[in-house]
N, C-alpha and C. Protein backbone atom coordinates (compact mmCIF):
# COMPACT_ATOMS: atom_id res chain seq x y z
N MET A 1 0.84 -1.17 0.00
CA MET A 1 0.00 0.00 0.00
C MET A 1 0.89 1.24 0.00
N ALA A 2 0.47 2.26 -0.71
CA ALA A 2 1.26 3.49 -0.84
C ALA A 2 1.33 4.22 0.50
N GLU A 3 2.45 4.87 0.71
CA GLU A 3 2.66 5.63 1.94
C GLU A 3 1.84 6.92 1.89
N ARG A 4 1.18 7.23 2.99
CA ARG A 4 0.40 8.46 3.06
C ARG A 4 1.33 9.58 3.47
N ASN A 5 1.23 10.68 2.74
CA ASN A 5 2.06 11.85 3.00
C ASN A 5 1.23 12.93 3.68
N LYS A 6 1.82 13.57 4.67
CA LYS A 6 1.20 14.72 5.31
C LYS A 6 2.00 15.95 4.89
N VAL A 7 1.28 16.93 4.35
CA VAL A 7 1.94 18.12 3.84
C VAL A 7 1.22 19.35 4.39
N THR A 8 2.00 20.29 4.91
CA THR A 8 1.42 21.56 5.36
C THR A 8 1.43 22.52 4.19
N VAL A 9 0.24 23.06 3.88
CA VAL A 9 0.11 23.98 2.75
C VAL A 9 -0.55 25.26 3.24
N LYS A 10 -0.42 26.30 2.44
CA LYS A 10 -1.03 27.58 2.78
C LYS A 10 -2.02 27.95 1.68
N ILE A 11 -3.28 28.13 2.07
CA ILE A 11 -4.33 28.52 1.14
C ILE A 11 -5.06 29.71 1.75
N ALA A 12 -5.12 30.78 1.02
CA ALA A 12 -5.79 32.02 1.46
C ALA A 12 -5.26 32.50 2.82
N GLY A 13 -3.97 32.35 3.00
CA GLY A 13 -3.34 32.82 4.22
C GLY A 13 -3.49 31.89 5.41
N ASN A 14 -4.18 30.79 5.26
CA ASN A 14 -4.36 29.82 6.35
C ASN A 14 -3.57 28.55 6.06
N GLU A 15 -3.02 27.98 7.10
CA GLU A 15 -2.27 26.73 6.94
C GLU A 15 -3.20 25.55 7.15
N TYR A 16 -2.99 24.55 6.29
CA TYR A 16 -3.77 23.31 6.36
C TYR A 16 -2.80 22.14 6.24
N VAL A 17 -3.12 21.06 6.92
CA VAL A 17 -2.34 19.84 6.76
C VAL A 17 -3.16 18.91 5.88
N LEU A 18 -2.60 18.62 4.73
CA LEU A 18 -3.28 17.73 3.79
C LEU A 18 -2.59 16.38 3.79
N CYS A 19 -3.39 15.32 3.74
CA CYS A 19 -2.86 13.96 3.69
C CYS A 19 -3.26 13.32 2.37
N GLY A 20 -2.36 12.54 1.82
CA GLY A 20 -2.68 11.85 0.58
C GLY A 20 -1.60 10.87 0.19
N ASN A 21 -1.93 10.02 -0.75
CA ASN A 21 -0.98 9.02 -1.25
C ASN A 21 -0.03 9.60 -2.30
N GLU A 22 -0.38 10.76 -2.82
CA GLU A 22 0.44 11.39 -3.84
C GLU A 22 1.71 11.98 -3.21
N SER A 23 2.63 12.37 -4.06
CA SER A 23 3.89 12.94 -3.58
C SER A 23 3.64 14.29 -2.92
N PRO A 24 4.51 14.70 -2.00
CA PRO A 24 4.37 16.02 -1.38
C PRO A 24 4.37 17.15 -2.43
N GLU A 25 5.16 16.99 -3.47
CA GLU A 25 5.22 18.00 -4.53
C GLU A 25 3.87 18.14 -5.23
N TYR A 26 3.23 17.02 -5.47
CA TYR A 26 1.92 17.03 -6.12
C TYR A 26 0.89 17.71 -5.21
N ILE A 27 0.89 17.37 -3.95
CA ILE A 27 -0.06 17.96 -3.00
C ILE A 27 0.16 19.47 -2.92
N GLN A 28 1.42 19.91 -2.89
CA GLN A 28 1.73 21.35 -2.88
C GLN A 28 1.22 22.01 -4.16
N ARG A 29 1.39 21.34 -5.26
CA ARG A 29 0.95 21.89 -6.55
C ARG A 29 -0.57 22.10 -6.57
N ILE A 30 -1.30 21.14 -6.06
CA ILE A 30 -2.77 21.24 -5.99
C ILE A 30 -3.17 22.39 -5.07
N ALA A 31 -2.53 22.46 -3.92
CA ALA A 31 -2.84 23.54 -2.96
C ALA A 31 -2.55 24.90 -3.60
N LEU A 32 -1.48 25.01 -4.33
CA LEU A 32 -1.12 26.26 -5.01
C LEU A 32 -2.18 26.63 -6.05
N MET A 33 -2.68 25.65 -6.77
CA MET A 33 -3.75 25.91 -7.75
C MET A 33 -4.98 26.47 -7.06
N VAL A 34 -5.36 25.85 -5.95
CA VAL A 34 -6.55 26.31 -5.20
C VAL A 34 -6.30 27.72 -4.67
N ASP A 35 -5.12 27.94 -4.12
CA ASP A 35 -4.80 29.27 -3.57
C ASP A 35 -4.86 30.34 -4.67
N ARG A 36 -4.29 30.05 -5.81
CA ARG A 36 -4.31 31.02 -6.91
C ARG A 36 -5.73 31.31 -7.38
N LYS A 37 -6.54 30.27 -7.49
CA LYS A 37 -7.93 30.45 -7.91
C LYS A 37 -8.68 31.31 -6.89
N LEU A 38 -8.46 31.01 -5.63
CA LEU A 38 -9.13 31.74 -4.55
C LEU A 38 -8.71 33.21 -4.54
N ARG A 39 -7.42 33.45 -4.70
CA ARG A 39 -6.92 34.84 -4.75
C ARG A 39 -7.50 35.58 -5.95
N ASP A 40 -7.57 34.91 -7.08
CA ASP A 40 -8.11 35.53 -8.29
C ASP A 40 -9.57 35.95 -8.06
N ILE A 41 -10.35 35.10 -7.44
CA ILE A 41 -11.77 35.41 -7.19
C ILE A 41 -11.90 36.55 -6.18
N THR A 42 -11.10 36.52 -5.11
CA THR A 42 -11.21 37.60 -4.11
C THR A 42 -10.67 38.92 -4.65
N ARG A 43 -9.72 38.85 -5.57
CA ARG A 43 -9.20 40.07 -6.19
C ARG A 43 -10.28 40.74 -7.05
N LYS A 44 -11.08 39.93 -7.71
CA LYS A 44 -12.13 40.47 -8.58
C LYS A 44 -13.32 40.99 -7.79
N ASN A 45 -13.54 40.45 -6.59
CA ASN A 45 -14.67 40.90 -5.77
C ASN A 45 -14.24 40.94 -4.31
N HIS A 46 -13.86 42.14 -3.86
CA HIS A 46 -13.33 42.31 -2.49
C HIS A 46 -14.39 42.12 -1.42
N LEU A 47 -15.65 42.15 -1.79
CA LEU A 47 -16.73 42.05 -0.81
C LEU A 47 -17.03 40.62 -0.37
N LEU A 48 -16.46 39.65 -1.07
CA LEU A 48 -16.73 38.25 -0.73
C LEU A 48 -15.97 37.84 0.53
N SER A 49 -16.67 37.10 1.37
CA SER A 49 -15.99 36.52 2.53
C SER A 49 -15.12 35.37 2.05
N THR A 50 -14.23 34.92 2.90
CA THR A 50 -13.35 33.79 2.53
C THR A 50 -14.19 32.55 2.22
N SER A 51 -15.23 32.32 3.01
CA SER A 51 -16.05 31.13 2.77
C SER A 51 -16.82 31.26 1.45
N MET A 52 -17.33 32.45 1.13
CA MET A 52 -18.04 32.64 -0.14
C MET A 52 -17.06 32.49 -1.31
N ALA A 53 -15.88 33.06 -1.17
CA ALA A 53 -14.87 32.93 -2.22
C ALA A 53 -14.44 31.47 -2.38
N SER A 54 -14.39 30.75 -1.26
CA SER A 54 -14.03 29.33 -1.31
C SER A 54 -15.07 28.52 -2.06
N VAL A 55 -16.35 28.84 -1.81
CA VAL A 55 -17.42 28.14 -2.52
C VAL A 55 -17.34 28.44 -4.01
N LEU A 56 -17.12 29.71 -4.37
CA LEU A 56 -17.00 30.06 -5.79
C LEU A 56 -15.78 29.37 -6.42
N THR A 57 -14.71 29.30 -5.66
CA THR A 57 -13.51 28.60 -6.16
C THR A 57 -13.84 27.14 -6.42
N ALA A 58 -14.53 26.51 -5.47
CA ALA A 58 -14.90 25.10 -5.64
C ALA A 58 -15.82 24.93 -6.85
N VAL A 59 -16.78 25.84 -7.01
CA VAL A 59 -17.69 25.76 -8.16
C VAL A 59 -16.92 25.92 -9.47
N ASN A 60 -16.02 26.90 -9.52
CA ASN A 60 -15.22 27.11 -10.74
C ASN A 60 -14.35 25.90 -11.06
N MET A 61 -13.73 25.35 -10.03
CA MET A 61 -12.86 24.20 -10.26
C MET A 61 -13.69 22.97 -10.65
N ALA A 62 -14.88 22.83 -10.06
CA ALA A 62 -15.77 21.73 -10.45
C ALA A 62 -16.18 21.89 -11.91
N ASP A 63 -16.47 23.12 -12.30
CA ASP A 63 -16.83 23.41 -13.68
C ASP A 63 -15.68 23.01 -14.62
N GLU A 64 -14.47 23.40 -14.26
CA GLU A 64 -13.31 23.04 -15.08
C GLU A 64 -13.14 21.52 -15.15
N LEU A 65 -13.37 20.86 -14.02
CA LEU A 65 -13.24 19.40 -13.98
C LEU A 65 -14.27 18.74 -14.89
N VAL A 66 -15.52 19.18 -14.81
CA VAL A 66 -16.57 18.60 -15.64
C VAL A 66 -16.26 18.84 -17.12
N LYS A 67 -15.83 20.05 -17.45
CA LYS A 67 -15.49 20.35 -18.85
C LYS A 67 -14.31 19.50 -19.31
N ALA A 68 -13.33 19.33 -18.44
CA ALA A 68 -12.18 18.51 -18.79
C ALA A 68 -12.60 17.05 -18.99
N LYS A 69 -13.48 16.54 -18.13
CA LYS A 69 -13.97 15.15 -18.28
C LYS A 69 -14.76 15.00 -19.57
N ASP A 70 -15.61 16.00 -19.86
CA ASP A 70 -16.38 15.97 -21.11
C ASP A 70 -15.45 15.96 -22.31
N ALA A 71 -14.44 16.81 -22.27
CA ALA A 71 -13.46 16.86 -23.37
C ALA A 71 -12.72 15.54 -23.48
N TYR A 72 -12.37 14.95 -22.34
CA TYR A 72 -11.68 13.66 -22.32
C TYR A 72 -12.57 12.58 -22.93
N ASN A 73 -13.84 12.55 -22.51
CA ASN A 73 -14.77 11.55 -23.04
C ASN A 73 -14.98 11.72 -24.54
N LYS A 74 -15.07 12.97 -24.97
CA LYS A 74 -15.22 13.24 -26.40
C LYS A 74 -13.97 12.77 -27.15
N SER A 75 -12.80 13.05 -26.58
CA SER A 75 -11.55 12.60 -27.20
C SER A 75 -11.46 11.08 -27.25
N GLU A 76 -11.90 10.44 -26.17
CA GLU A 76 -11.90 8.97 -26.14
C GLU A 76 -12.80 8.41 -27.23
N PHE A 77 -13.99 9.00 -27.38
CA PHE A 77 -14.92 8.56 -28.40
C PHE A 77 -14.31 8.76 -29.78
N GLU A 78 -13.73 9.96 -30.02
CA GLU A 78 -13.10 10.25 -31.31
C GLU A 78 -11.94 9.29 -31.58
N LEU A 79 -11.16 9.00 -30.54
CA LEU A 79 -10.04 8.07 -30.69
C LEU A 79 -10.55 6.68 -31.06
N LYS A 80 -11.62 6.24 -30.41
CA LYS A 80 -12.20 4.94 -30.71
C LYS A 80 -12.68 4.90 -32.17
N GLU A 81 -13.34 5.98 -32.61
CA GLU A 81 -13.81 6.06 -33.98
C GLU A 81 -12.64 6.06 -34.97
N LEU A 82 -11.58 6.80 -34.64
CA LEU A 82 -10.41 6.85 -35.51
C LEU A 82 -9.72 5.48 -35.58
N LYS A 83 -9.65 4.78 -34.46
CA LYS A 83 -9.06 3.44 -34.45
C LYS A 83 -9.87 2.50 -35.33
N LYS A 84 -11.20 2.64 -35.24
CA LYS A 84 -12.09 1.82 -36.07
C LYS A 84 -11.83 2.12 -37.55
N LYS A 85 -11.71 3.41 -37.86
CA LYS A 85 -11.47 3.84 -39.25
C LYS A 85 -10.11 3.32 -39.74
N VAL A 86 -9.10 3.40 -38.89
CA VAL A 86 -7.77 2.90 -39.25
C VAL A 86 -7.84 1.40 -39.54
N GLN A 87 -8.58 0.67 -38.72
CA GLN A 87 -8.72 -0.77 -38.94
C GLN A 87 -9.42 -1.05 -40.26
N GLU A 88 -10.47 -0.27 -40.55
CA GLU A 88 -11.17 -0.43 -41.82
C GLU A 88 -10.23 -0.14 -42.99
N LEU A 89 -9.42 0.91 -42.86
CA LEU A 89 -8.47 1.26 -43.92
C LEU A 89 -7.41 0.18 -44.10
N ARG A 90 -6.96 -0.40 -43.00
CA ARG A 90 -5.98 -1.50 -43.09
C ARG A 90 -6.59 -2.69 -43.83
N GLU A 91 -7.86 -2.98 -43.50
CA GLU A 91 -8.54 -4.07 -44.18
C GLU A 91 -8.69 -3.76 -45.67
N ASP A 92 -9.00 -2.51 -45.99
CA ASP A 92 -9.10 -2.10 -47.39
C ASP A 92 -7.77 -2.28 -48.09
N VAL A 93 -6.69 -1.85 -47.45
CA VAL A 93 -5.35 -1.97 -48.04
C VAL A 93 -5.04 -3.45 -48.30
N TYR A 94 -5.34 -4.30 -47.33
CA TYR A 94 -5.09 -5.73 -47.50
C TYR A 94 -5.89 -6.28 -48.68
N ARG A 95 -7.17 -5.89 -48.72
CA ARG A 95 -8.04 -6.35 -49.80
C ARG A 95 -7.52 -5.85 -51.16
N TYR A 96 -7.11 -4.59 -51.21
CA TYR A 96 -6.59 -4.04 -52.47
C TYR A 96 -5.28 -4.71 -52.88
N LYS A 97 -4.46 -5.05 -51.91
CA LYS A 97 -3.21 -5.76 -52.24
C LYS A 97 -3.53 -7.13 -52.84
N GLN A 98 -4.51 -7.82 -52.23
CA GLN A 98 -4.89 -9.13 -52.75
C GLN A 98 -5.44 -8.99 -54.17
N GLU A 99 -6.30 -7.99 -54.35
CA GLU A 99 -6.88 -7.74 -55.66
C GLU A 99 -5.79 -7.38 -56.66
N ASN A 100 -4.83 -6.58 -56.24
CA ASN A 100 -3.72 -6.18 -57.10
C ASN A 100 -2.90 -7.41 -57.53
N GLU A 101 -2.67 -8.32 -56.60
CA GLU A 101 -1.92 -9.54 -56.93
C GLU A 101 -2.68 -10.36 -57.99
N LYS A 102 -4.00 -10.47 -57.81
CA LYS A 102 -4.81 -11.21 -58.79
C LYS A 102 -4.74 -10.53 -60.15
N LEU A 103 -4.84 -9.21 -60.16
CA LEU A 103 -4.77 -8.47 -61.42
C LEU A 103 -3.40 -8.61 -62.08
N LYS A 104 -2.35 -8.67 -61.27
CA LYS A 104 -1.00 -8.88 -61.83
C LYS A 104 -0.91 -10.25 -62.50
N GLU A 105 -1.53 -11.26 -61.87
CA GLU A 105 -1.54 -12.60 -62.46
C GLU A 105 -2.29 -12.60 -63.78
N ILE A 106 -3.45 -11.94 -63.78
CA ILE A 106 -4.25 -11.84 -65.01
C ILE A 106 -3.46 -11.11 -66.08
N GLN A 107 -2.80 -10.02 -65.69
CA GLN A 107 -1.99 -9.26 -66.65
C GLN A 107 -0.89 -10.13 -67.23
N SER A 108 -0.24 -10.89 -66.36
CA SER A 108 0.84 -11.77 -66.81
C SER A 108 0.30 -12.81 -67.80
N GLN A 109 -0.84 -13.40 -67.48
CA GLN A 109 -1.45 -14.39 -68.39
C GLN A 109 -1.83 -13.73 -69.72
N LEU A 110 -2.39 -12.53 -69.64
CA LEU A 110 -2.78 -11.82 -70.86
C LEU A 110 -1.55 -11.44 -71.69
N GLN A 111 -0.46 -11.10 -71.02
CA GLN A 111 0.78 -10.76 -71.73
C GLN A 111 1.30 -11.97 -72.48
N ILE A 112 1.24 -13.13 -71.81
CA ILE A 112 1.67 -14.38 -72.46
C ILE A 112 0.77 -14.66 -73.66
N GLU A 113 -0.54 -14.50 -73.45
CA GLU A 113 -1.50 -14.74 -74.54
C GLU A 113 -1.24 -13.78 -75.70
N LEU A 114 -0.97 -12.51 -75.39
CA LEU A 114 -0.69 -11.51 -76.43
C LEU A 114 0.56 -11.89 -77.22
N THR A 115 1.59 -12.33 -76.51
CA THR A 115 2.84 -12.73 -77.17
C THR A 115 2.58 -13.91 -78.11
N LYS A 116 1.77 -14.87 -77.65
CA LYS A 116 1.43 -16.02 -78.50
C LYS A 116 0.69 -15.56 -79.75
N ARG A 117 -0.28 -14.69 -79.56
CA ARG A 117 -1.09 -14.20 -80.69
C ARG A 117 -0.24 -13.39 -81.67
N GLU A 118 0.67 -12.57 -81.12
CA GLU A 118 1.56 -11.80 -82.01
C GLU A 118 2.45 -12.73 -82.82
N THR A 119 2.92 -13.80 -82.18
CA THR A 119 3.77 -14.78 -82.88
C THR A 119 2.96 -15.46 -83.97
N GLU A 120 1.73 -15.84 -83.64
CA GLU A 120 0.85 -16.46 -84.63
C GLU A 120 0.59 -15.50 -85.79
N LEU A 121 0.34 -14.24 -85.46
CA LEU A 121 0.06 -13.24 -86.48
C LEU A 121 1.27 -13.07 -87.41
N LYS A 122 2.47 -13.05 -86.84
CA LYS A 122 3.69 -12.93 -87.66
C LYS A 122 3.80 -14.11 -88.62
N GLU A 123 3.50 -15.29 -88.08
CA GLU A 123 3.60 -16.48 -88.93
C GLU A 123 2.57 -16.45 -90.04
N VAL A 124 1.34 -15.98 -89.70
CA VAL A 124 0.30 -15.88 -90.72
C VAL A 124 0.71 -14.87 -91.78
N ARG A 125 1.25 -13.72 -91.35
CA ARG A 125 1.71 -12.69 -92.30
C ARG A 125 2.86 -13.22 -93.16
N LYS A 126 3.75 -13.97 -92.53
CA LYS A 126 4.88 -14.53 -93.25
C LYS A 126 4.38 -15.52 -94.31
N THR A 127 3.44 -16.34 -93.89
CA THR A 127 2.86 -17.31 -94.83
C THR A 127 2.13 -16.58 -95.94
N LEU A 128 1.38 -15.57 -95.58
CA LEU A 128 0.65 -14.77 -96.57
C LEU A 128 1.61 -14.10 -97.53
N SER A 129 2.69 -13.57 -96.99
CA SER A 129 3.68 -12.90 -97.82
C SER A 129 4.34 -13.90 -98.78
N THR A 130 4.61 -15.08 -98.29
CA THR A 130 5.21 -16.13 -99.10
C THR A 130 4.27 -16.51 -100.23
N LEU A 131 3.00 -16.65 -99.91
CA LEU A 131 2.00 -17.02 -100.90
C LEU A 131 1.80 -15.90 -101.92
N THR A 132 1.85 -14.66 -101.48
CA THR A 132 1.67 -13.52 -102.37
C THR A 132 2.87 -13.40 -103.29
N ASP A 133 4.06 -13.61 -102.78
CA ASP A 133 5.29 -13.52 -103.59
C ASP A 133 5.37 -14.67 -104.59
N ALA A 134 4.77 -15.80 -104.28
CA ALA A 134 4.85 -16.97 -105.12
C ALA A 134 3.88 -16.89 -106.29
N LYS A 135 2.91 -16.00 -106.31
CA LYS A 135 1.96 -15.87 -107.40
C LYS A 135 2.66 -15.31 -108.64
N PRO A 136 2.32 -15.87 -109.84
CA PRO A 136 2.94 -15.37 -111.09
C PRO A 136 2.34 -14.09 -111.57
């Protein structure tokens, strides 16, 4: 089991002891984010009490979290669709390669057939020429 870390942090001028399985640096980073958000909200509206500013901070951060999760889910869906499309394209490529191989075989057979026919045609022309030259 991961070791629980206790970290003293300062948020809105008050010290808090936070416990968690994450590293002390991570816990400090999170506390700093909350402190900055809280300061930003109190700077924009000096009339808010610390508790009201804290609630607004929590609401804003929850909003960011929900939007981030929505964006993540959308990205996951898009990634799944793209993977599906890539698989379809790979199957198409495989199918086209197979088809190309068959067409190459047909082309090769047709080339052989053409060569035979050209040879036959030459012989017929040669025979015809011989017969034409032999006429008095």
